[in-house]
PDB file of N, CA and C in Angstrom:
ATOM      1  N   MET A   1       0.834  -1.178  -0.003  1.00  0.00           N
ATOM      2  CA  MET A   1      -0.007  -0.001  -0.003  1.00  0.00           C
ATOM      3  C   MET A   1       0.885   1.245   0.003  1.00  0.00           C
ATOM      4  N   GLN A   2       0.355   2.324  -0.520  1.00  0.00           N
ATOM      5  CA  GLN A   2       1.106   3.571  -0.648  1.00  0.00           C
ATOM      6  C   GLN A   2       0.633   4.564   0.409  1.00  0.00           C
ATOM      7  N   ILE A   3       1.573   5.119   1.162  1.00  0.00           N
ATOM      8  CA  ILE A   3       1.299   6.103   2.189  1.00  0.00           C
ATOM      9  C   ILE A   3       2.071   7.374   1.825  1.00  0.00           C
ATOM     10  N   THR A   4       1.401   8.524   1.869  1.00  0.00           N
ATOM     11  CA  THR A   4       2.056   9.803   1.682  1.00  0.00           C
ATOM     12  C   THR A   4       2.401  10.358   3.058  1.00  0.00           C
ATOM     13  N   VAL A   5       3.670  10.685   3.266  1.00  0.00           N
ATOM     14  CA  VAL A   5       4.123  11.193   4.553  1.00  0.00           C
ATOM     15  C   VAL A   5       4.470  12.672   4.414  1.00  0.00           C
ATOM     16  N   HIS A   6       3.877  13.480   5.299  1.00  0.00           N
ATOM     17  CA  HIS A   6       4.142  14.923   5.356  1.00  0.00           C
ATOM     18  C   HIS A   6       4.990  15.203   6.575  1.00  0.00           C
ATOM     19  N   PHE A   7       6.053  15.962   6.355  1.00  0.00           N
ATOM     20  CA  PHE A   7       6.915  16.379   7.467  1.00  0.00           C
ATOM     21  C   PHE A   7       6.481  17.768   7.913  1.00  0.00           C
ATOM     22  N   LEU A   8       6.191  17.920   9.197  1.00  0.00           N
ATOM     23  CA  LEU A   8       5.726  19.194   9.740  1.00  0.00           C
ATOM     24  C   LEU A   8       6.746  19.761  10.729  1.00  0.00           C
ATOM     25  N   GLY A   9       6.583  21.028  11.046  1.00  0.00           N
ATOM     26  CA  GLY A   9       7.440  21.666  12.038  1.00  0.00           C
ATOM     27  C   GLY A   9       8.903  21.625  11.622  1.00  0.00           C
ATOM     28  N   GLN A  10       9.745  21.379  12.588  1.00  0.00           N
ATOM     29  CA  GLN A  10      11.187  21.339  12.364  1.00  0.00           C
ATOM     30  C   GLN A  10      11.575  20.264  11.347  1.00  0.00           C
ATOM     31  N   ALA A  11      10.835  19.170  11.290  1.00  0.00           N
ATOM     32  CA  ALA A  11      11.135  18.098  10.343  1.00  0.00           C
ATOM     33  C   ALA A  11      11.033  18.619   8.911  1.00  0.00           C
ATOM     34  N   ARG A  12      10.106  19.532   8.666  1.00  0.00           N
ATOM     35  CA  ARG A  12       9.925  20.085   7.325  1.00  0.00           C
ATOM     36  C   ARG A  12      11.184  20.799   6.859  1.00  0.00           C
ATOM     37  N   HIS A  13      11.847  21.476   7.792  1.00  0.00           N
ATOM     38  CA  HIS A  13      13.065  22.225   7.468  1.00  0.00           C
ATOM     39  C   HIS A  13      14.267  21.305   7.259  1.00  0.00           C
ATOM     40  N   LEU A  14      14.234  20.132   7.840  1.00  0.00           N
ATOM     41  CA  LEU A  14      15.371  19.186   7.721  1.00  0.00           C
ATOM     42  C   LEU A  14      15.200  18.188   6.572  1.00  0.00           C
ATOM     43  N   ALA A  15      13.975  18.004   6.113  1.00  0.00           N
ATOM     44  CA  ALA A  15      13.710  17.024   5.050  1.00  0.00           C
ATOM     45  C   ALA A  15      14.019  17.648   3.683  1.00  0.00           C
ATOM     46  N   PRO A  16      14.485  16.806   2.763  1.00  0.00           N
ATOM     47  CA  PRO A  16      14.741  17.303   1.408  1.00  0.00           C
ATOM     48  C   PRO A  16      13.469  17.836   0.736  1.00  0.00           C
ATOM     49  N   SER A  17      12.311  17.298   1.140  1.00  0.00           N
ATOM     50  CA  SER A  17      11.020  17.709   0.584  1.00  0.00           C
ATOM     51  C   SER A  17      10.009  17.685   1.716  1.00  0.00           C
ATOM     52  N   GLY A  18       8.937  18.441   1.580  1.00  0.00           N
ATOM     53  CA  GLY A  18       7.926  18.493   2.614  1.00  0.00           C
ATOM     54  C   GLY A  18       7.088  17.236   2.713  1.00  0.00           C
ATOM     55  N   GLN A  19       7.162  16.419   1.667  1.00  0.00           N
ATOM     56  CA  GLN A  19       6.418  15.156   1.696  1.00  0.00           C
ATOM     57  C   GLN A  19       7.112  14.117   0.857  1.00  0.00           C
ATOM     58  N   THR A  20       6.797  12.883   1.125  1.00  0.00           N
ATOM     59  CA  THR A  20       7.328  11.754   0.356  1.00  0.00           C
ATOM     60  C   THR A  20       6.310  10.635   0.373  1.00  0.00           C
ATOM     61  N   ALA A  21       6.447   9.729  -0.559  1.00  0.00           N
ATOM     62  CA  ALA A  21       5.580   8.547  -0.586  1.00  0.00           C
ATOM     63  C   ALA A  21       6.403   7.334  -0.187  1.00  0.00           C
ATOM     64  N   VAL A  22       5.786   6.422   0.533  1.00  0.00           N
ATOM     65  CA  VAL A  22       6.474   5.208   0.972  1.00  0.00           C
ATOM     66  C   VAL A  22       5.535   4.016   0.748  1.00  0.00           C
ATOM     67  N   GLU A  23       6.117   2.915   0.321  1.00  0.00           N
ATOM     68  CA  GLU A  23       5.381   1.663   0.176  1.00  0.00           C
ATOM     69  C   GLU A  23       5.379   0.947   1.515  1.00  0.00           C
ATOM     70  N   ALA A  24       4.232   0.457   1.903  1.00  0.00           N
ATOM     71  CA  ALA A  24       4.104  -0.220   3.188  1.00  0.00           C
ATOM     72  C   ALA A  24       3.343  -1.516   2.990  1.00  0.00           C
ATOM     73  N   ALA A  25       3.691  -2.504   3.781  1.00  0.00           N
ATOM     74  CA  ALA A  25       2.964  -3.779   3.774  1.00  0.00           C
ATOM     75  C   ALA A  25       1.606  -3.569   4.455  1.00  0.00           C
ATOM     76  N   GLU A  26       0.648  -4.405   4.093  1.00  0.00           N
ATOM     77  CA  GLU A  26      -0.659  -4.366   4.750  1.00  0.00           C
ATOM     78  C   GLU A  26      -0.452  -4.517   6.258  1.00  0.00           C
ATOM     79  N   ASN A  27      -1.273  -3.816   7.033  1.00  0.00           N
ATOM     80  CA  ASN A  27      -1.255  -3.845   8.497  1.00  0.00           C
ATOM     81  C   ASN A  27       0.004  -3.274   9.108  1.00  0.00           C
ATOM     82  N   SER A  28       0.763  -2.472   8.350  1.00  0.00           N
ATOM     83  CA  SER A  28       1.958  -1.849   8.899  1.00  0.00           C
ATOM     84  C   SER A  28       1.604  -0.820   9.955  1.00  0.00           C
ATOM     85  N   SER A  29       2.518  -0.634  10.869  1.00  0.00           N
ATOM     86  CA  SER A  29       2.418   0.449  11.845  1.00  0.00           C
ATOM     87  C   SER A  29       3.318   1.582  11.369  1.00  0.00           C
ATOM     88  N   VAL A  30       3.169   2.747  11.965  1.00  0.00           N
ATOM     89  CA  VAL A  30       4.071   3.856  11.664  1.00  0.00           C
ATOM     90  C   VAL A  30       5.495   3.452  12.041  1.00  0.00           C
ATOM     91  N   ASP A  31       5.650   2.816  13.193  1.00  0.00           N
ATOM     92  CA  ASP A  31       6.981   2.340  13.614  1.00  0.00           C
ATOM     93  C   ASP A  31       7.593   1.429  12.545  1.00  0.00           C
ATOM     94  N   GLY A  32       6.769   0.599  11.917  1.00  0.00           N
ATOM     95  CA  GLY A  32       7.253  -0.310  10.897  1.00  0.00           C
ATOM     96  C   GLY A  32       7.718   0.402   9.628  1.00  0.00           C
ATOM     97  N   LEU A  33       7.285   1.640   9.432  1.00  0.00           N
ATOM     98  CA  LEU A  33       7.682   2.403   8.240  1.00  0.00           C
ATOM     99  C   LEU A  33       8.956   3.210   8.438  1.00  0.00           C
ATOM    100  N   ILE A  34       9.332   3.442   9.675  1.00  0.00           N
ATOM    101  CA  ILE A  34      10.403   4.411   9.961  1.00  0.00           C
ATOM    102  C   ILE A  34      11.718   4.090   9.270  1.00  0.00           C
ATOM    103  N   SER A  35      12.192   2.867   9.337  1.00  0.00           N
ATOM    104  CA  SER A  35      13.482   2.566   8.726  1.00  0.00           C
ATOM    105  C   SER A  35      13.442   2.765   7.210  1.00  0.00           C
ATOM    106  N   THR A  36      12.340   2.383   6.563  1.00  0.00           N
ATOM    107  CA  THR A  36      12.202   2.608   5.122  1.00  0.00           C
ATOM    108  C   THR A  36      12.078   4.100   4.821  1.00  0.00           C
ATOM    109  N   LEU A  37      11.261   4.774   5.590  1.00  0.00           N
ATOM    110  CA  LEU A  37      11.021   6.195   5.386  1.00  0.00           C
ATOM    111  C   LEU A  37      12.299   7.025   5.519  1.00  0.00           C
ATOM    112  N   LEU A  38      13.107   6.715   6.511  1.00  0.00           N
ATOM    113  CA  LEU A  38      14.286   7.519   6.791  1.00  0.00           C
ATOM    114  C   LEU A  38      15.564   6.977   6.173  1.00  0.00           C
ATOM    115  N   SER A  39      15.459   5.924   5.399  1.00  0.00           N
ATOM    116  CA  SER A  39      16.611   5.389   4.694  1.00  0.00           C
ATOM    117  C   SER A  39      17.142   6.461   3.744  1.00  0.00           C
ATOM    118  N   GLY A  40      18.370   6.847   3.918  1.00  0.00           N
ATOM    119  CA  GLY A  40      18.977   7.878   3.078  1.00  0.00           C
ATOM    120  C   GLY A  40      18.639   9.285   3.458  1.00  0.00           C
ATOM    121  N   ALA A  41      17.851   9.466   4.519  1.00  0.00           N
ATOM    122  CA  ALA A  41      17.493  10.822   4.973  1.00  0.00           C
ATOM    123  C   ALA A  41      18.700  11.450   5.695  1.00  0.00           C
ATOM    124  N   PRO A  42      18.748  12.777   5.705  1.00  0.00           N
ATOM    125  CA  PRO A  42      19.843  13.456   6.424  1.00  0.00           C
ATOM    126  C   PRO A  42      19.839  13.050   7.918  1.00  0.00           C
ATOM    127  N   ALA A  43      21.038  12.926   8.483  1.00  0.00           N
ATOM    128  CA  ALA A  43      21.180  12.512   9.874  1.00  0.00           C
ATOM    129  C   ALA A  43      20.360  13.378  10.839  1.00  0.00           C
ATOM    130  N   PRO A  44      20.320  14.710  10.696  1.00  0.00           N
ATOM    131  CA  PRO A  44      19.516  15.503  11.637  1.00  0.00           C
ATOM    132  C   PRO A  44      18.027  15.131  11.611  1.00  0.00           C
ATOM    133  N   LEU A  45      17.510  14.777  10.446  1.00  0.00           N
ATOM    134  CA  LEU A  45      16.104  14.363  10.349  1.00  0.00           C
ATOM    135  C   LEU A  45      15.905  13.017  11.043  1.00  0.00           C
ATOM    136  N   ARG A  46      16.811  12.071  10.790  1.00  0.00           N
ATOM    137  CA  ARG A  46      16.713  10.756  11.456  1.00  0.00           C
ATOM    138  C   ARG A  46      16.786  10.928  12.979  1.00  0.00           C
ATOM    139  N   ASP A  47      17.697  11.776  13.448  1.00  0.00           N
ATOM    140  CA  ASP A  47      17.845  11.992  14.883  1.00  0.00           C
ATOM    141  C   ASP A  47      16.588  12.623  15.500  1.00  0.00           C
ATOM    142  N   LEU A  48      15.957  13.509  14.742  1.00  0.00           N
ATOM    143  CA  LEU A  48      14.756  14.188  15.241  1.00  0.00           C
ATOM    144  C   LEU A  48      13.563  13.245  15.332  1.00  0.00           C
ATOM    145  N   LEU A  49      13.416  12.368  14.346  1.00  0.00           N
ATOM    146  CA  LEU A  49      12.205  11.546  14.248  1.00  0.00           C
ATOM    147  C   LEU A  49      12.322  10.137  14.800  1.00  0.00           C
ATOM    148  N   ALA A  50      13.500   9.560  14.738  1.00  0.00           N
ATOM    149  CA  ALA A  50      13.633   8.129  15.066  1.00  0.00           C
ATOM    150  C   ALA A  50      14.348   7.888  16.366  1.00  0.00           C
ATOM    151  N   ASP A  51      13.902   6.867  17.047  1.00  0.00           N
ATOM    152  CA  ASP A  51      14.568   6.335  18.228  1.00  0.00           C
ATOM    153  C   ASP A  51      14.865   4.878  17.873  1.00  0.00           C
ATOM    154  N   GLY A  52      16.039   4.668  17.264  1.00  0.00           N
ATOM    155  CA  GLY A  52      16.346   3.336  16.742  1.00  0.00           C
ATOM    156  C   GLY A  52      15.420   3.015  15.581  1.00  0.00           C
ATOM    157  N   PRO A  53      14.777   1.870  15.608  1.00  0.00           N
ATOM    158  CA  PRO A  53      13.933   1.461  14.494  1.00  0.00           C
ATOM    159  C   PRO A  53      12.471   1.942  14.599  1.00  0.00           C
ATOM    160  N   ARG A  54      12.181   2.855  15.496  1.00  0.00           N
ATOM    161  CA  ARG A  54      10.815   3.301  15.642  1.00  0.00           C
ATOM    162  C   ARG A  54      10.724   4.818  15.783  1.00  0.00           C
ATOM    163  N   LEU A  55       9.522   5.345  15.695  1.00  0.00           N
ATOM    164  CA  LEU A  55       9.285   6.774  15.820  1.00  0.00           C
ATOM    165  C   LEU A  55       9.519   7.198  17.265  1.00  0.00           C
ATOM    166  N   ARG A  56      10.180   8.340  17.446  1.00  0.00           N
ATOM    167  CA  ARG A  56      10.328   8.872  18.818  1.00  0.00           C
ATOM    168  C   ARG A  56       8.945   9.106  19.408  1.00  0.00           C
ATOM    169  N   ARG A  57       8.788   8.806  20.661  1.00  0.00           N
ATOM    170  CA  ARG A  57       7.493   8.941  21.310  1.00  0.00           C
ATOM    171  C   ARG A  57       7.063  10.395  21.453  1.00  0.00           C
ATOM    172  N   SER A  58       7.995  11.342  21.321  1.00  0.00           N
ATOM    173  CA  SER A  58       7.651  12.758  21.392  1.00  0.00           C
ATOM    174  C   SER A  58       7.122  13.291  20.065  1.00  0.00           C
ATOM    175  N   VAL A  59       7.170  12.491  18.998  1.00  0.00           N
ATOM    176  CA  VAL A  59       6.711  12.905  17.687  1.00  0.00           C
ATOM    177  C   VAL A  59       5.265  12.436  17.497  1.00  0.00           C
ATOM    178  N   MET A  60       4.410  13.365  17.102  1.00  0.00           N
ATOM    179  CA  MET A  60       3.006  13.000  16.868  1.00  0.00           C
ATOM    180  C   MET A  60       2.849  12.416  15.481  1.00  0.00           C
ATOM    181  N   ALA A  61       2.153  11.297  15.406  1.00  0.00           N
ATOM    182  CA  ALA A  61       1.788  10.675  14.132  1.00  0.00           C
ATOM    183  C   ALA A  61       0.301  10.953  13.917  1.00  0.00           C
ATOM    184  N   ILE A  62      -0.019  11.631  12.811  1.00  0.00           N
ATOM    185  CA  ILE A  62      -1.369  12.080  12.565  1.00  0.00           C
ATOM    186  C   ILE A  62      -1.858  11.559  11.206  1.00  0.00           C
ATOM    187  N   VAL A  63      -2.981  10.896  11.198  1.00  0.00           N
ATOM    188  CA  VAL A  63      -3.622  10.458   9.962  1.00  0.00           C
ATOM    189  C   VAL A  63      -4.943  11.203   9.871  1.00  0.00           C
ATOM    190  N   GLY A  64      -5.121  11.952   8.788  1.00  0.00           N
ATOM    191  CA  GLY A  64      -6.295  12.820   8.692  1.00  0.00           C
ATOM    192  C   GLY A  64      -6.174  13.867   9.779  1.00  0.00           C
ATOM    193  N   GLU A  65      -7.124  13.895  10.672  1.00  0.00           N
ATOM    194  CA  GLU A  65      -7.088  14.841  11.780  1.00  0.00           C
ATOM    195  C   GLU A  65      -6.961  14.125  13.118  1.00  0.00           C
ATOM    196  N   GLU A  66      -6.583  12.846  13.095  1.00  0.00           N
ATOM    197  CA  GLU A  66      -6.516  12.038  14.296  1.00  0.00           C
ATOM    198  C   GLU A  66      -5.091  11.614  14.623  1.00  0.00           C
ATOM    199  N   THR A  67      -4.682  11.821  15.850  1.00  0.00           N
ATOM    200  CA  THR A  67      -3.385  11.335  16.314  1.00  0.00           C
ATOM    201  C   THR A  67      -3.505   9.838  16.544  1.00  0.00           C
ATOM    202  N   ILE A  68      -2.519   9.090  16.044  1.00  0.00           N
ATOM    203  CA  ILE A  68      -2.568   7.630  16.198  1.00  0.00           C
ATOM    204  C   ILE A  68      -1.357   7.141  16.977  1.00  0.00           C
ATOM    205  N   ASP A  69      -1.481   5.952  17.509  1.00  0.00           N
ATOM    206  CA  ASP A  69      -0.389   5.280  18.215  1.00  0.00           C
ATOM    207  C   ASP A  69       0.544   4.700  17.159  1.00  0.00           C
ATOM    208  N   PRO A  70       1.815   5.174  17.092  1.00  0.00           N
ATOM    209  CA  PRO A  70       2.719   4.726  16.048  1.00  0.00           C
ATOM    210  C   PRO A  70       3.069   3.235  16.137  1.00  0.00           C
ATOM    211  N   SER A  71       2.850   2.608  17.261  1.00  0.00           N
ATOM    212  CA  SER A  71       3.207   1.193  17.391  1.00  0.00           C
ATOM    213  C   SER A  71       2.045   0.260  17.004  1.00  0.00           C
ATOM    214  N   GLU A  72       0.852   0.809  16.882  1.00  0.00           N
ATOM    215  CA  GLU A  72      -0.319  -0.033  16.593  1.00  0.00           C
ATOM    216  C   GLU A  72      -0.419  -0.393  15.110  1.00  0.00           C
ATOM    217  N   GLU A  73      -0.522  -1.673  14.854  1.00  0.00           N
ATOM    218  CA  GLU A  73      -0.633  -2.147  13.473  1.00  0.00           C
ATOM    219  C   GLU A  73      -2.066  -2.030  12.970  1.00  0.00           C
ATOM    220  N   GLY A  74      -2.220  -1.897  11.659  1.00  0.00           N
ATOM    221  CA  GLY A  74      -3.531  -1.919  11.037  1.00  0.00           C
ATOM    222  C   GLY A  74      -4.251  -0.580  10.986  1.00  0.00           C
ATOM    223  N   LEU A  75      -3.632   0.506  11.493  1.00  0.00           N
ATOM    224  CA  LEU A  75      -4.290   1.800  11.465  1.00  0.00           C
ATOM    225  C   LEU A  75      -4.106   2.513  10.124  1.00  0.00           C
ATOM    226  N   LEU A  76      -3.047   2.166   9.407  1.00  0.00           N
ATOM    227  CA  LEU A  76      -2.775   2.801   8.125  1.00  0.00           C
ATOM    228  C   LEU A  76      -3.461   2.033   7.000  1.00  0.00           C
ATOM    229  N   GLN A  77      -4.045   2.786   6.075  1.00  0.00           N
ATOM    230  CA  GLN A  77      -4.717   2.205   4.923  1.00  0.00           C
ATOM    231  C   GLN A  77      -4.084   2.745   3.646  1.00  0.00           C
ATOM    232  N   ASP A  78      -4.207   2.003   2.572  1.00  0.00           N
ATOM    233  CA  ASP A  78      -3.680   2.452   1.298  1.00  0.00           C
ATOM    234  C   ASP A  78      -4.215   3.832   0.946  1.00  0.00           C
ATOM    235  N   GLY A  79      -3.323   4.734   0.566  1.00  0.00           N
ATOM    236  CA  GLY A  79      -3.729   6.086   0.195  1.00  0.00           C
ATOM    237  C   GLY A  79      -3.759   7.081   1.348  1.00  0.00           C
ATOM    238  N   ASP A  80      -3.497   6.608   2.564  1.00  0.00           N
ATOM    239  CA  ASP A  80      -3.509   7.515   3.727  1.00  0.00           C
ATOM    240  C   ASP A  80      -2.430   8.574   3.622  1.00  0.00           C
ATOM    241  N   GLU A  81      -2.692   9.698   4.253  1.00  0.00           N
ATOM    242  CA  GLU A  81      -1.705  10.759   4.406  1.00  0.00           C
ATOM    243  C   GLU A  81      -1.348  10.831   5.865  1.00  0.00           C
ATOM    244  N   LEU A  82      -0.077  10.556   6.130  1.00  0.00           N
ATOM    245  CA  LEU A  82       0.452  10.531   7.499  1.00  0.00           C
ATOM    246  C   LEU A  82       1.294  11.780   7.686  1.00  0.00           C
ATOM    247  N   SER A  83       1.041  12.521   8.754  1.00  0.00           N
ATOM    248  CA  SER A  83       1.841  13.690   9.090  1.00  0.00           C
ATOM    249  C   SER A  83       2.636  13.383  10.333  1.00  0.00           C
ATOM    250  N   LEU A  84       3.914  13.778  10.311  1.00  0.00           N
ATOM    251  CA  LEU A  84       4.804  13.600  11.455  1.00  0.00           C
ATOM    252  C   LEU A  84       5.160  14.971  11.995  1.00  0.00           C
ATOM    253  N   LEU A  85       4.815  15.204  13.262  1.00  0.00           N
ATOM    254  CA  LEU A  85       5.011  16.498  13.905  1.00  0.00           C
ATOM    255  C   LEU A  85       5.861  16.343  15.155  1.00  0.00           C
ATOM    256  N   PRO A  86       7.131  16.749  15.063  1.00  0.00           N
ATOM    257  CA  PRO A  86       7.975  16.709  16.267  1.00  0.00           C
ATOM    258  C   PRO A  86       7.555  17.816  17.232  1.00  0.00           C
ATOM    259  N   PRO A  87       7.990  17.722  18.488  1.00  0.00           N
ATOM    260  CA  PRO A  87       7.622  18.756  19.470  1.00  0.00           C
ATOM    261  C   PRO A  87       8.160  20.116  19.027  1.00  0.00           C
ATOM    262  N   MET A  88       7.402  21.142  19.327  1.00  0.00           N
ATOM    263  CA  MET A  88       7.829  22.507  19.000  1.00  0.00           C
ATOM    264  C   MET A  88       8.486  23.114  20.205  1.00  0.00           C
ATOM    265  N   SER A  89       9.407  24.029  19.936  1.00  0.00           N
ATOM    266  CA  SER A  89      10.053  24.741  21.020  1.00  0.00           C
ATOM    267  C   SER A  89      10.058  26.224  20.687  1.00  0.00           C
ATOM    268  N   GLY A  90      10.400  27.000  21.643  1.00  0.00           N
ATOM    269  CA  GLY A  90      10.438  28.447  21.422  1.00  0.00           C
ATOM    270  C   GLY A  90       9.335  29.118  22.216  1.00  0.00           C
ATOM    271  N   GLY A  91       9.136  30.366  21.955  1.00  0.00           N
ATOM    272  CA  GLY A  91       8.120  31.035  22.719  1.00  0.00           C
ATOM    273  C   GLY A  91       7.750  32.369  22.158  1.00  0.00           C
TER     274      GLY A  91
END
């Protein structure tokens, strides 16, 4: 299945593009996509989003308008748009 991933916040500034498409197996979790998604990505982006082979728990995974659990399988469907939003800082 094809998932479109949008990088938001600081991730948008570190990513080569604001969005990318990734192929995912049926019943994949967001955590299951991370190594494929960040393969070849700049080190600062990998450091911001990934904690080893999974999404950092401080990063929000959003499908549509709903925040989802990145470790839960079966939440992603073919054609979904997944947004990744790292924590914001500043004031």
